[in-house]
Amino acid sequence: MEFNFNTFFGYEEQINNQPDIVMIYSFAGIVFGIMALLFLAIIIRKIGLNSINSFIINPLMLALGLTFIVSILPTVIFYVATSDISFVKIVYSWIVIFIGMLFFVGINLETIKKCLNEFGKITEQQEFRNRKR
């Protein structure tokens, strides 16, 4: 029994019949997932568990944000340019993009943190230079 990319746990008929609804719910799910993780991060920071924020919540938010940005291009290519493709394959591409972003963020977390810290220092220096005297 081989794996078929035209099946999705028995929901392939609903996904293929209403691709616009699935696309809207998918992108909304990513945005609301980021917002839910943001509120969870605020609560965890108030409790004082900053290590959970730093190593679990923030990388998940970053991976979801990168997934949102990167998944726009394949969606436009598959949905608009090639209209004969099954929307289940687009859903699988989103899942693969999310898993790839999780691995990317997990491997490069320290580099990303250093880059963001340096960017913060540069903006602070520019604000200090541009302040009114």
C-alpha atoms as a PDB file:
ATOM      1  CA  MET A   1       0.000   0.000   0.000  1.00  0.00           C
ATOM      2  CA  GLU A   2       1.655   3.192  -1.175  1.00  0.00           C
ATOM      3  CA  PHE A   3       1.162   6.756   0.003  1.00  0.00           C
ATOM      4  CA  ASN A   4      -0.967   8.922  -2.270  1.00  0.00           C
ATOM      5  CA  PHE A   5      -0.655  12.705  -2.232  1.00  0.00           C
ATOM      6  CA  ASN A   6      -4.272  13.056  -3.329  1.00  0.00           C
ATOM      7  CA  THR A   7      -5.601  11.782   0.022  1.00  0.00           C
ATOM      8  CA  PHE A   8      -5.680  13.649   3.311  1.00  0.00           C
ATOM      9  CA  PHE A   9      -7.077  11.469   6.115  1.00  0.00           C
ATOM     10  CA  GLY A  10     -10.457  11.132   4.415  1.00  0.00           C
ATOM     11  CA  TYR A  11     -11.027  14.883   4.021  1.00  0.00           C
ATOM     12  CA  GLU A  12      -9.807  15.205   0.448  1.00  0.00           C
ATOM     13  CA  GLU A  13     -13.313  15.647  -0.970  1.00  0.00           C
ATOM     14  CA  GLN A  14     -14.117  18.558   1.357  1.00  0.00           C
ATOM     15  CA  ILE A  15     -10.728  20.163   0.761  1.00  0.00           C
ATOM     16  CA  ASN A  16     -10.982  19.912  -3.017  1.00  0.00           C
ATOM     17  CA  ASN A  17     -14.608  21.083  -3.159  1.00  0.00           C
ATOM     18  CA  GLN A  18     -13.998  24.258  -1.128  1.00  0.00           C
ATOM     19  CA  PRO A  19     -10.416  25.390  -1.774  1.00  0.00           C
ATOM     20  CA  ASP A  20     -11.114  29.076  -1.031  1.00  0.00           C
ATOM     21  CA  ILE A  21     -12.452  28.303   2.436  1.00  0.00           C
ATOM     22  CA  VAL A  22      -9.494  26.018   3.181  1.00  0.00           C
ATOM     23  CA  MET A  23      -7.041  28.684   2.039  1.00  0.00           C
ATOM     24  CA  ILE A  24      -8.699  31.381   4.169  1.00  0.00           C
ATOM     25  CA  TYR A  25      -8.825  29.115   7.227  1.00  0.00           C
ATOM     26  CA  SER A  26      -5.206  28.044   6.723  1.00  0.00           C
ATOM     27  CA  PHE A  27      -3.820  31.559   6.609  1.00  0.00           C
ATOM     28  CA  ALA A  28      -6.145  32.665   9.422  1.00  0.00           C
ATOM     29  CA  GLY A  29      -5.012  29.661  11.455  1.00  0.00           C
ATOM     30  CA  ILE A  30      -1.404  30.754  11.088  1.00  0.00           C
ATOM     31  CA  VAL A  31      -2.190  34.344  12.111  1.00  0.00           C
ATOM     32  CA  PHE A  32      -4.357  33.320  15.070  1.00  0.00           C
ATOM     33  CA  GLY A  33      -1.758  30.731  16.064  1.00  0.00           C
ATOM     34  CA  ILE A  34       0.855  33.473  16.254  1.00  0.00           C
ATOM     35  CA  MET A  35      -1.517  35.628  18.316  1.00  0.00           C
ATOM     36  CA  ALA A  36      -2.299  32.738  20.700  1.00  0.00           C
ATOM     37  CA  LEU A  37       1.415  32.043  21.153  1.00  0.00           C
ATOM     38  CA  LEU A  38       1.969  35.745  21.775  1.00  0.00           C
ATOM     39  CA  PHE A  39      -0.579  35.779  24.601  1.00  0.00           C
ATOM     40  CA  LEU A  40       0.898  32.563  25.986  1.00  0.00           C
ATOM     41  CA  ALA A  41       4.358  34.155  25.872  1.00  0.00           C
ATOM     42  CA  ILE A  42       3.077  37.181  27.801  1.00  0.00           C
ATOM     43  CA  ILE A  43       1.581  34.950  30.493  1.00  0.00           C
ATOM     44  CA  ILE A  44       4.728  32.822  30.742  1.00  0.00           C
ATOM     45  CA  ARG A  45       6.891  35.956  30.979  1.00  0.00           C
ATOM     46  CA  LYS A  46       4.710  37.265  33.843  1.00  0.00           C
ATOM     47  CA  ILE A  47       5.143  33.937  35.646  1.00  0.00           C
ATOM     48  CA  GLY A  48       8.910  34.186  35.197  1.00  0.00           C
ATOM     49  CA  LEU A  49       9.614  31.178  32.982  1.00  0.00           C
ATOM     50  CA  ASN A  50      11.703  33.035  30.422  1.00  0.00           C
ATOM     51  CA  SER A  51      13.599  29.926  29.296  1.00  0.00           C
ATOM     52  CA  ILE A  52      10.349  28.356  28.028  1.00  0.00           C
ATOM     53  CA  ASN A  53       9.650  31.573  26.147  1.00  0.00           C
ATOM     54  CA  SER A  54      13.130  31.713  24.705  1.00  0.00           C
ATOM     55  CA  PHE A  55      13.458  28.121  23.538  1.00  0.00           C
ATOM     56  CA  ILE A  56       9.887  26.974  22.765  1.00  0.00           C
ATOM     57  CA  ILE A  57       7.366  29.784  22.271  1.00  0.00           C
ATOM     58  CA  ASN A  58       9.509  32.310  20.369  1.00  0.00           C
ATOM     59  CA  PRO A  59      10.889  29.752  17.870  1.00  0.00           C
ATOM     60  CA  LEU A  60       7.346  28.501  17.214  1.00  0.00           C
ATOM     61  CA  MET A  61       6.164  32.055  16.555  1.00  0.00           C
ATOM     62  CA  LEU A  62       9.113  32.652  14.249  1.00  0.00           C
ATOM     63  CA  ALA A  63       8.478  29.396  12.388  1.00  0.00           C
ATOM     64  CA  LEU A  64       4.787  30.274  11.948  1.00  0.00           C
ATOM     65  CA  GLY A  65       5.670  33.757  10.705  1.00  0.00           C
ATOM     66  CA  LEU A  66       8.199  32.418   8.231  1.00  0.00           C
ATOM     67  CA  THR A  67       5.700  29.779   7.120  1.00  0.00           C
ATOM     68  CA  PHE A  68       3.145  32.507   6.481  1.00  0.00           C
ATOM     69  CA  ILE A  69       5.603  34.496   4.371  1.00  0.00           C
ATOM     70  CA  VAL A  70       7.089  31.551   2.468  1.00  0.00           C
ATOM     71  CA  SER A  71       3.776  29.743   1.822  1.00  0.00           C
ATOM     72  CA  ILE A  72       2.343  32.652  -0.168  1.00  0.00           C
ATOM     73  CA  LEU A  73       4.493  31.934  -3.248  1.00  0.00           C
ATOM     74  CA  PRO A  74       3.642  28.216  -3.648  1.00  0.00           C
ATOM     75  CA  THR A  75      -0.009  28.980  -3.021  1.00  0.00           C
ATOM     76  CA  VAL A  76      -0.063  31.563  -5.783  1.00  0.00           C
ATOM     77  CA  ILE A  77       1.848  29.280  -8.156  1.00  0.00           C
ATOM     78  CA  PHE A  78      -0.231  26.154  -7.464  1.00  0.00           C
ATOM     79  CA  TYR A  79      -3.623  27.793  -7.088  1.00  0.00           C
ATOM     80  CA  VAL A  80      -3.536  30.555  -9.688  1.00  0.00           C
ATOM     81  CA  ALA A  81      -1.049  29.407 -12.312  1.00  0.00           C
ATOM     82  CA  THR A  82      -1.948  25.710 -12.372  1.00  0.00           C
ATOM     83  CA  SER A  83      -5.646  25.353 -11.689  1.00  0.00           C
ATOM     84  CA  ASP A  84      -5.717  21.596 -12.340  1.00  0.00           C
ATOM     85  CA  ILE A  85      -3.703  20.690  -9.226  1.00  0.00           C
ATOM     86  CA  SER A  86      -5.472  19.152  -6.243  1.00  0.00           C
ATOM     87  CA  PHE A  87      -5.735  21.476  -3.263  1.00  0.00           C
ATOM     88  CA  VAL A  88      -4.677  18.596  -1.016  1.00  0.00           C
ATOM     89  CA  LYS A  89      -1.208  18.927  -2.540  1.00  0.00           C
ATOM     90  CA  ILE A  90      -1.154  22.597  -1.564  1.00  0.00           C
ATOM     91  CA  VAL A  91      -2.045  21.629   2.017  1.00  0.00           C
ATOM     92  CA  TYR A  92       0.820  19.116   1.987  1.00  0.00           C
ATOM     93  CA  SER A  93       3.168  21.831   0.708  1.00  0.00           C
ATOM     94  CA  TRP A  94       2.157  24.071   3.646  1.00  0.00           C
ATOM     95  CA  ILE A  95       2.852  21.237   6.081  1.00  0.00           C
ATOM     96  CA  VAL A  96       6.273  20.619   4.524  1.00  0.00           C
ATOM     97  CA  ILE A  97       7.084  24.342   4.615  1.00  0.00           C
ATOM     98  CA  PHE A  98       6.126  24.515   8.313  1.00  0.00           C
ATOM     99  CA  ILE A  99       8.247  21.472   9.195  1.00  0.00           C
ATOM    100  CA  GLY A 100      11.160  22.925   7.216  1.00  0.00           C
ATOM    101  CA  MET A 101      10.823  26.243   9.030  1.00  0.00           C
ATOM    102  CA  LEU A 102      10.781  24.434  12.383  1.00  0.00           C
ATOM    103  CA  PHE A 103      14.040  22.692  11.500  1.00  0.00           C
ATOM    104  CA  PHE A 104      15.561  25.916  10.160  1.00  0.00           C
ATOM    105  CA  VAL A 105      14.659  27.899  13.273  1.00  0.00           C
ATOM    106  CA  GLY A 106      15.722  25.056  15.561  1.00  0.00           C
ATOM    107  CA  ILE A 107      19.143  24.774  13.943  1.00  0.00           C
ATOM    108  CA  ASN A 108      19.796  28.519  13.549  1.00  0.00           C
ATOM    109  CA  LEU A 109      18.142  29.824  16.733  1.00  0.00           C
ATOM    110  CA  GLU A 110      21.285  31.292  18.286  1.00  0.00           C
ATOM    111  CA  THR A 111      22.314  32.978  15.031  1.00  0.00           C
ATOM    112  CA  ILE A 112      18.851  34.484  14.623  1.00  0.00           C
ATOM    113  CA  LYS A 113      18.922  35.775  18.220  1.00  0.00           C
ATOM    114  CA  LYS A 114      22.343  37.377  17.693  1.00  0.00           C
ATOM    115  CA  CYS A 115      21.175  38.988  14.457  1.00  0.00           C
ATOM    116  CA  LEU A 116      18.060  40.428  16.111  1.00  0.00           C
ATOM    117  CA  ASN A 117      20.074  41.695  19.100  1.00  0.00           C
ATOM    118  CA  GLU A 118      22.543  43.459  16.793  1.00  0.00           C
ATOM    119  CA  PHE A 119      19.662  44.981  14.834  1.00  0.00           C
ATOM    120  CA  GLY A 120      18.200  46.261  18.119  1.00  0.00           C
ATOM    121  CA  LYS A 121      21.531  47.817  19.091  1.00  0.00           C
ATOM    122  CA  ILE A 122      21.837  49.543  15.711  1.00  0.00           C
ATOM    123  CA  THR A 123      18.346  51.044  15.984  1.00  0.00           C
ATOM    124  CA  GLU A 124      19.068  52.235  19.532  1.00  0.00           C
ATOM    125  CA  GLN A 125      22.237  53.938  18.312  1.00  0.00           C
ATOM    126  CA  GLN A 126      20.333  55.624  15.478  1.00  0.00           C
ATOM    127  CA  GLU A 127      17.645  56.805  17.890  1.00  0.00           C
ATOM    128  CA  PHE A 128      20.337  58.196  20.196  1.00  0.00           C
ATOM    129  CA  ARG A 129      21.971  60.073  17.304  1.00  0.00           C
ATOM    130  CA  ASN A 130      18.664  61.471  16.041  1.00  0.00           C
ATOM    131  CA  ARG A 131      17.289  62.643  19.379  1.00  0.00           C
ATOM    132  CA  LYS A 132      16.439  66.297  19.817  1.00  0.00           C
ATOM    133  CA  ARG A 133      19.000  68.195  21.815  1.00  0.00           C
END
